[in-house]
Amino acid sequence: METKVLQISGMSCQHCKMAVTNALKRVAGVESVEVDLSAGKATVRFDPAVATEEAMRAAVEEAGYQVVGG
């Protein structure tokens, strides 16, 4: 398992936090997600043989938010 921290813009409330959490949890290979709303970060634990950063970025963007940097 690997851990990746994604910087996410556009989150402003608990609904946003849940939307990002649920979107990332739906990505195959993602084991856990912790979203820090105040820091604008999502810490994702995943199996790199299954989940890709591109898939995680796409899931966040489909939920209406943007991964910045990295």
PDB file of N, CA and C in Angstrom:
ATOM      1  N   MET A   1       0.834  -1.190   0.000  1.00  0.00           N
ATOM      2  CA  MET A   1       0.000   0.000   0.000  1.00  0.00           C
ATOM      3  C   MET A   1       0.876   1.250   0.000  1.00  0.00           C
ATOM      4  N   GLU A   2       0.376   2.276  -0.634  1.00  0.00           N
ATOM      5  CA  GLU A   2       1.045   3.573  -0.647  1.00  0.00           C
ATOM      6  C   GLU A   2       0.081   4.628  -0.127  1.00  0.00           C
ATOM      7  N   THR A   3       0.640   5.754   0.281  1.00  0.00           N
ATOM      8  CA  THR A   3      -0.161   6.882   0.737  1.00  0.00           C
ATOM      9  C   THR A   3       0.200   8.096  -0.105  1.00  0.00           C
ATOM     10  N   LYS A   4      -0.824   8.810  -0.537  1.00  0.00           N
ATOM     11  CA  LYS A   4      -0.647  10.010  -1.357  1.00  0.00           C
ATOM     12  C   LYS A   4      -1.494  11.127  -0.765  1.00  0.00           C
ATOM     13  N   VAL A   5      -0.921  12.318  -0.669  1.00  0.00           N
ATOM     14  CA  VAL A   5      -1.672  13.486  -0.214  1.00  0.00           C
ATOM     15  C   VAL A   5      -1.999  14.335  -1.434  1.00  0.00           C
ATOM     16  N   LEU A   6      -3.279  14.568  -1.643  1.00  0.00           N
ATOM     17  CA  LEU A   6      -3.741  15.392  -2.758  1.00  0.00           C
ATOM     18  C   LEU A   6      -4.198  16.741  -2.219  1.00  0.00           C
ATOM     19  N   GLN A   7      -3.726  17.812  -2.814  1.00  0.00           N
ATOM     20  CA  GLN A   7      -4.182  19.160  -2.468  1.00  0.00           C
ATOM     21  C   GLN A   7      -5.399  19.438  -3.341  1.00  0.00           C
ATOM     22  N   ILE A   8      -6.527  19.762  -2.715  1.00  0.00           N
ATOM     23  CA  ILE A   8      -7.782  19.910  -3.449  1.00  0.00           C
ATOM     24  C   ILE A   8      -8.353  21.301  -3.234  1.00  0.00           C
ATOM     25  N   SER A   9      -8.707  21.961  -4.330  1.00  0.00           N
ATOM     26  CA  SER A   9      -9.316  23.289  -4.220  1.00  0.00           C
ATOM     27  C   SER A   9     -10.816  23.185  -4.461  1.00  0.00           C
ATOM     28  N   GLY A  10     -11.535  24.115  -3.852  1.00  0.00           N
ATOM     29  CA  GLY A  10     -12.976  24.186  -4.059  1.00  0.00           C
ATOM     30  C   GLY A  10     -13.806  23.619  -2.928  1.00  0.00           C
ATOM     31  N   MET A  11     -13.183  23.010  -1.920  1.00  0.00           N
ATOM     32  CA  MET A  11     -13.937  22.457  -0.796  1.00  0.00           C
ATOM     33  C   MET A  11     -14.189  23.559   0.227  1.00  0.00           C
ATOM     34  N   SER A  12     -15.444  23.682   0.677  1.00  0.00           N
ATOM     35  CA  SER A  12     -15.751  24.743   1.638  1.00  0.00           C
ATOM     36  C   SER A  12     -16.670  24.309   2.776  1.00  0.00           C
ATOM     37  N   CYS A  13     -17.195  23.080   2.722  1.00  0.00           N
ATOM     38  CA  CYS A  13     -18.155  22.659   3.743  1.00  0.00           C
ATOM     39  C   CYS A  13     -18.104  21.142   3.930  1.00  0.00           C
ATOM     40  N   GLN A  14     -18.884  20.652   4.884  1.00  0.00           N
ATOM     41  CA  GLN A  14     -18.908  19.215   5.151  1.00  0.00           C
ATOM     42  C   GLN A  14     -19.434  18.426   3.945  1.00  0.00           C
ATOM     43  N   HIS A  15     -20.361  19.008   3.195  1.00  0.00           N
ATOM     44  CA  HIS A  15     -20.857  18.332   1.991  1.00  0.00           C
ATOM     45  C   HIS A  15     -19.716  18.116   1.003  1.00  0.00           C
ATOM     46  N   CYS A  16     -18.880  19.138   0.842  1.00  0.00           N
ATOM     47  CA  CYS A  16     -17.721  19.035  -0.053  1.00  0.00           C
ATOM     48  C   CYS A  16     -16.797  17.908   0.414  1.00  0.00           C
ATOM     49  N   LYS A  17     -16.543  17.882   1.710  1.00  0.00           N
ATOM     50  CA  LYS A  17     -15.667  16.860   2.287  1.00  0.00           C
ATOM     51  C   LYS A  17     -16.208  15.467   1.991  1.00  0.00           C
ATOM     52  N   MET A  18     -17.512  15.268   2.189  1.00  0.00           N
ATOM     53  CA  MET A  18     -18.112  13.957   1.937  1.00  0.00           C
ATOM     54  C   MET A  18     -18.105  13.616   0.449  1.00  0.00           C
ATOM     55  N   ALA A  19     -18.332  14.599  -0.404  1.00  0.00           N
ATOM     56  CA  ALA A  19     -18.334  14.352  -1.847  1.00  0.00           C
ATOM     57  C   ALA A  19     -16.962  13.874  -2.312  1.00  0.00           C
ATOM     58  N   VAL A  20     -15.903  14.521  -1.827  1.00  0.00           N
ATOM     59  CA  VAL A  20     -14.541  14.129  -2.201  1.00  0.00           C
ATOM     60  C   VAL A  20     -14.207  12.759  -1.614  1.00  0.00           C
ATOM     61  N   THR A  21     -14.566  12.545  -0.354  1.00  0.00           N
ATOM     62  CA  THR A  21     -14.312  11.252   0.290  1.00  0.00           C
ATOM     63  C   THR A  21     -14.979  10.129  -0.485  1.00  0.00           C
ATOM     64  N   ASN A  22     -16.258  10.291  -0.784  1.00  0.00           N
ATOM     65  CA  ASN A  22     -16.995   9.244  -1.493  1.00  0.00           C
ATOM     66  C   ASN A  22     -16.459   9.023  -2.901  1.00  0.00           C
ATOM     67  N   ALA A  23     -16.095  10.086  -3.586  1.00  0.00           N
ATOM     68  CA  ALA A  23     -15.552   9.957  -4.943  1.00  0.00           C
ATOM     69  C   ALA A  23     -14.258   9.154  -4.928  1.00  0.00           C
ATOM     70  N   LEU A  24     -13.378   9.456  -3.981  1.00  0.00           N
ATOM     71  CA  LEU A  24     -12.097   8.746  -3.913  1.00  0.00           C
ATOM     72  C   LEU A  24     -12.277   7.301  -3.474  1.00  0.00           C
ATOM     73  N   LYS A  25     -13.220   7.044  -2.575  1.00  0.00           N
ATOM     74  CA  LYS A  25     -13.451   5.667  -2.114  1.00  0.00           C
ATOM     75  C   LYS A  25     -13.986   4.776  -3.229  1.00  0.00           C
ATOM     76  N   ARG A  26     -14.607   5.376  -4.234  1.00  0.00           N
ATOM     77  CA  ARG A  26     -15.132   4.589  -5.359  1.00  0.00           C
ATOM     78  C   ARG A  26     -14.045   4.165  -6.342  1.00  0.00           C
ATOM     79  N   VAL A  27     -12.854   4.729  -6.238  1.00  0.00           N
ATOM     80  CA  VAL A  27     -11.751   4.356  -7.130  1.00  0.00           C
ATOM     81  C   VAL A  27     -11.255   2.971  -6.720  1.00  0.00           C
ATOM     82  N   ALA A  28     -11.197   2.059  -7.680  1.00  0.00           N
ATOM     83  CA  ALA A  28     -10.716   0.702  -7.403  1.00  0.00           C
ATOM     84  C   ALA A  28      -9.303   0.761  -6.847  1.00  0.00           C
ATOM     85  N   GLY A  29      -9.073   0.034  -5.761  1.00  0.00           N
ATOM     86  CA  GLY A  29      -7.750  -0.019  -5.160  1.00  0.00           C
ATOM     87  C   GLY A  29      -7.538   0.951  -4.015  1.00  0.00           C
ATOM     88  N   VAL A  30      -8.482   1.876  -3.807  1.00  0.00           N
ATOM     89  CA  VAL A  30      -8.365   2.823  -2.690  1.00  0.00           C
ATOM     90  C   VAL A  30      -8.855   2.129  -1.425  1.00  0.00           C
ATOM     91  N   GLU A  31      -7.992   2.119  -0.405  1.00  0.00           N
ATOM     92  CA  GLU A  31      -8.321   1.461   0.861  1.00  0.00           C
ATOM     93  C   GLU A  31      -8.949   2.422   1.862  1.00  0.00           C
ATOM     94  N   SER A  32      -8.396   3.642   1.957  1.00  0.00           N
ATOM     95  CA  SER A  32      -8.945   4.605   2.913  1.00  0.00           C
ATOM     96  C   SER A  32      -8.709   6.028   2.431  1.00  0.00           C
ATOM     97  N   VAL A  33      -9.564   6.924   2.923  1.00  0.00           N
ATOM     98  CA  VAL A  33      -9.482   8.341   2.562  1.00  0.00           C
ATOM     99  C   VAL A  33      -9.723   9.170   3.815  1.00  0.00           C
ATOM    100  N   GLU A  34      -8.857  10.131   4.053  1.00  0.00           N
ATOM    101  CA  GLU A  34      -9.027  11.106   5.134  1.00  0.00           C
ATOM    102  C   GLU A  34      -8.961  12.489   4.506  1.00  0.00           C
ATOM    103  N   VAL A  35     -10.040  13.245   4.611  1.00  0.00           N
ATOM    104  CA  VAL A  35     -10.066  14.591   4.042  1.00  0.00           C
ATOM    105  C   VAL A  35      -9.986  15.611   5.173  1.00  0.00           C
ATOM    106  N   ASP A  36      -9.035  16.525   5.066  1.00  0.00           N
ATOM    107  CA  ASP A  36      -8.878  17.631   6.011  1.00  0.00           C
ATOM    108  C   ASP A  36      -9.422  18.875   5.321  1.00  0.00           C
ATOM    109  N   LEU A  37     -10.635  19.243   5.690  1.00  0.00           N
ATOM    110  CA  LEU A  37     -11.318  20.353   5.028  1.00  0.00           C
ATOM    111  C   LEU A  37     -10.565  21.671   5.196  1.00  0.00           C
ATOM    112  N   SER A  38     -10.098  21.963   6.406  1.00  0.00           N
ATOM    113  CA  SER A  38      -9.433  23.248   6.650  1.00  0.00           C
ATOM    114  C   SER A  38      -8.111  23.370   5.899  1.00  0.00           C
ATOM    115  N   ALA A  39      -7.411  22.251   5.710  1.00  0.00           N
ATOM    116  CA  ALA A  39      -6.133  22.271   4.987  1.00  0.00           C
ATOM    117  C   ALA A  39      -6.321  22.075   3.488  1.00  0.00           C
ATOM    118  N   GLY A  40      -7.520  21.640   3.074  1.00  0.00           N
ATOM    119  CA  GLY A  40      -7.771  21.394   1.658  1.00  0.00           C
ATOM    120  C   GLY A  40      -6.992  20.209   1.130  1.00  0.00           C
ATOM    121  N   LYS A  41      -6.861  19.169   1.967  1.00  0.00           N
ATOM    122  CA  LYS A  41      -6.068  17.998   1.585  1.00  0.00           C
ATOM    123  C   LYS A  41      -6.862  16.712   1.749  1.00  0.00           C
ATOM    124  N   ALA A  42      -6.539  15.751   0.902  1.00  0.00           N
ATOM    125  CA  ALA A  42      -7.063  14.397   1.047  1.00  0.00           C
ATOM    126  C   ALA A  42      -5.870  13.452   1.112  1.00  0.00           C
ATOM    127  N   THR A  43      -5.823  12.645   2.156  1.00  0.00           N
ATOM    128  CA  THR A  43      -4.782  11.637   2.295  1.00  0.00           C
ATOM    129  C   THR A  43      -5.398  10.307   1.895  1.00  0.00           C
ATOM    130  N   VAL A  44      -4.839   9.696   0.865  1.00  0.00           N
ATOM    131  CA  VAL A  44      -5.411   8.484   0.285  1.00  0.00           C
ATOM    132  C   VAL A  44      -4.430   7.331   0.437  1.00  0.00           C
ATOM    133  N   ARG A  45      -4.900   6.235   1.008  1.00  0.00           N
ATOM    134  CA  ARG A  45      -4.104   5.007   1.103  1.00  0.00           C
ATOM    135  C   ARG A  45      -4.647   4.064   0.034  1.00  0.00           C
ATOM    136  N   PHE A  46      -3.745   3.564  -0.824  1.00  0.00           N
ATOM    137  CA  PHE A  46      -4.204   2.809  -1.991  1.00  0.00           C
ATOM    138  C   PHE A  46      -3.191   1.756  -2.417  1.00  0.00           C
ATOM    139  N   ASP A  47      -3.669   0.823  -3.221  1.00  0.00           N
ATOM    140  CA  ASP A  47      -2.826  -0.207  -3.818  1.00  0.00           C
ATOM    141  C   ASP A  47      -2.364   0.323  -5.176  1.00  0.00           C
ATOM    142  N   PRO A  48      -1.071   0.634  -5.327  1.00  0.00           N
ATOM    143  CA  PRO A  48      -0.595   1.221  -6.583  1.00  0.00           C
ATOM    144  C   PRO A  48      -0.675   0.270  -7.778  1.00  0.00           C
ATOM    145  N   ALA A  49      -0.867  -1.012  -7.516  1.00  0.00           N
ATOM    146  CA  ALA A  49      -1.033  -1.965  -8.613  1.00  0.00           C
ATOM    147  C   ALA A  49      -2.430  -1.858  -9.219  1.00  0.00           C
ATOM    148  N   VAL A  50      -3.351  -1.223  -8.487  1.00  0.00           N
ATOM    149  CA  VAL A  50      -4.743  -1.120  -8.937  1.00  0.00           C
ATOM    150  C   VAL A  50      -5.144   0.337  -9.185  1.00  0.00           C
ATOM    151  N   ALA A  51      -4.913   1.192  -8.207  1.00  0.00           N
ATOM    152  CA  ALA A  51      -5.321   2.600  -8.299  1.00  0.00           C
ATOM    153  C   ALA A  51      -4.181   3.453  -8.842  1.00  0.00           C
ATOM    154  N   THR A  52      -4.529   4.421  -9.672  1.00  0.00           N
ATOM    155  CA  THR A  52      -3.530   5.349 -10.199  1.00  0.00           C
ATOM    156  C   THR A  52      -3.860   6.764  -9.735  1.00  0.00           C
ATOM    157  N   GLU A  53      -2.847   7.615  -9.727  1.00  0.00           N
ATOM    158  CA  GLU A  53      -3.092   9.013  -9.373  1.00  0.00           C
ATOM    159  C   GLU A  53      -4.040   9.650 -10.384  1.00  0.00           C
ATOM    160  N   GLU A  54      -3.933   9.255 -11.641  1.00  0.00           N
ATOM    161  CA  GLU A  54      -4.820   9.802 -12.674  1.00  0.00           C
ATOM    162  C   GLU A  54      -6.275   9.460 -12.373  1.00  0.00           C
ATOM    163  N   ALA A  55      -6.540   8.227 -11.916  1.00  0.00           N
ATOM    164  CA  ALA A  55      -7.909   7.818 -11.583  1.00  0.00           C
ATOM    165  C   ALA A  55      -8.429   8.607 -10.387  1.00  0.00           C
ATOM    166  N   MET A  56      -7.555   8.857  -9.413  1.00  0.00           N
ATOM    167  CA  MET A  56      -7.960   9.630  -8.239  1.00  0.00           C
ATOM    168  C   MET A  56      -8.256  11.076  -8.627  1.00  0.00           C
ATOM    169  N   ARG A  57      -7.396  11.660  -9.467  1.00  0.00           N
ATOM    170  CA  ARG A  57      -7.628  13.033  -9.946  1.00  0.00           C
ATOM    171  C   ARG A  57      -8.956  13.112 -10.703  1.00  0.00           C
ATOM    172  N   ALA A  58      -9.207  12.143 -11.564  1.00  0.00           N
ATOM    173  CA  ALA A  58     -10.439  12.134 -12.353  1.00  0.00           C
ATOM    174  C   ALA A  58     -11.662  12.041 -11.443  1.00  0.00           C
ATOM    175  N   ALA A  59     -11.588  11.229 -10.398  1.00  0.00           N
ATOM    176  CA  ALA A  59     -12.709  11.081  -9.466  1.00  0.00           C
ATOM    177  C   ALA A  59     -12.998  12.396  -8.752  1.00  0.00           C
ATOM    178  N   VAL A  60     -11.953  13.083  -8.322  1.00  0.00           N
ATOM    179  CA  VAL A  60     -12.115  14.376  -7.641  1.00  0.00           C
ATOM    180  C   VAL A  60     -12.727  15.390  -8.604  1.00  0.00           C
ATOM    181  N   GLU A  61     -12.245  15.418  -9.834  1.00  0.00           N
ATOM    182  CA  GLU A  61     -12.753  16.369 -10.822  1.00  0.00           C
ATOM    183  C   GLU A  61     -14.200  16.073 -11.193  1.00  0.00           C
ATOM    184  N   GLU A  62     -14.563  14.785 -11.286  1.00  0.00           N
ATOM    185  CA  GLU A  62     -15.954  14.422 -11.578  1.00  0.00           C
ATOM    186  C   GLU A  62     -16.883  14.877 -10.460  1.00  0.00           C
ATOM    187  N   ALA A  63     -16.353  14.941  -9.236  1.00  0.00           N
ATOM    188  CA  ALA A  63     -17.150  15.397  -8.094  1.00  0.00           C
ATOM    189  C   ALA A  63     -17.268  16.923  -8.062  1.00  0.00           C
ATOM    190  N   GLY A  64     -16.531  17.607  -8.946  1.00  0.00           N
ATOM    191  CA  GLY A  64     -16.649  19.054  -9.048  1.00  0.00           C
ATOM    192  C   GLY A  64     -15.550  19.856  -8.370  1.00  0.00           C
ATOM    193  N   TYR A  65     -14.438  19.195  -8.043  1.00  0.00           N
ATOM    194  CA  TYR A  65     -13.331  19.856  -7.353  1.00  0.00           C
ATOM    195  C   TYR A  65     -12.074  19.701  -8.199  1.00  0.00           C
ATOM    196  N   GLN A  66     -10.997  20.336  -7.780  1.00  0.00           N
ATOM    197  CA  GLN A  66      -9.773  20.292  -8.573  1.00  0.00           C
ATOM    198  C   GLN A  66      -8.588  19.907  -7.708  1.00  0.00           C
ATOM    199  N   VAL A  67      -7.780  18.972  -8.232  1.00  0.00           N
ATOM    200  CA  VAL A  67      -6.516  18.623  -7.588  1.00  0.00           C
ATOM    201  C   VAL A  67      -5.488  19.618  -8.103  1.00  0.00           C
ATOM    202  N   VAL A  68      -4.797  20.278  -7.185  1.00  0.00           N
ATOM    203  CA  VAL A  68      -3.808  21.280  -7.579  1.00  0.00           C
ATOM    204  C   VAL A  68      -2.405  20.777  -7.274  1.00  0.00           C
ATOM    205  N   GLY A  69      -1.475  21.176  -8.119  1.00  0.00           N
ATOM    206  CA  GLY A  69      -0.083  20.778  -7.912  1.00  0.00           C
ATOM    207  C   GLY A  69       0.168  19.321  -8.232  1.00  0.00           C
ATOM    208  N   GLY A  70       1.344  18.877  -7.812  1.00  0.00           N
ATOM    209  CA  GLY A  70       1.839  17.561  -7.850  1.00  0.00           C
ATOM    210  C   GLY A  70       1.645  16.612  -8.861  1.00  0.00           C
TER     211      GLY A  70
END
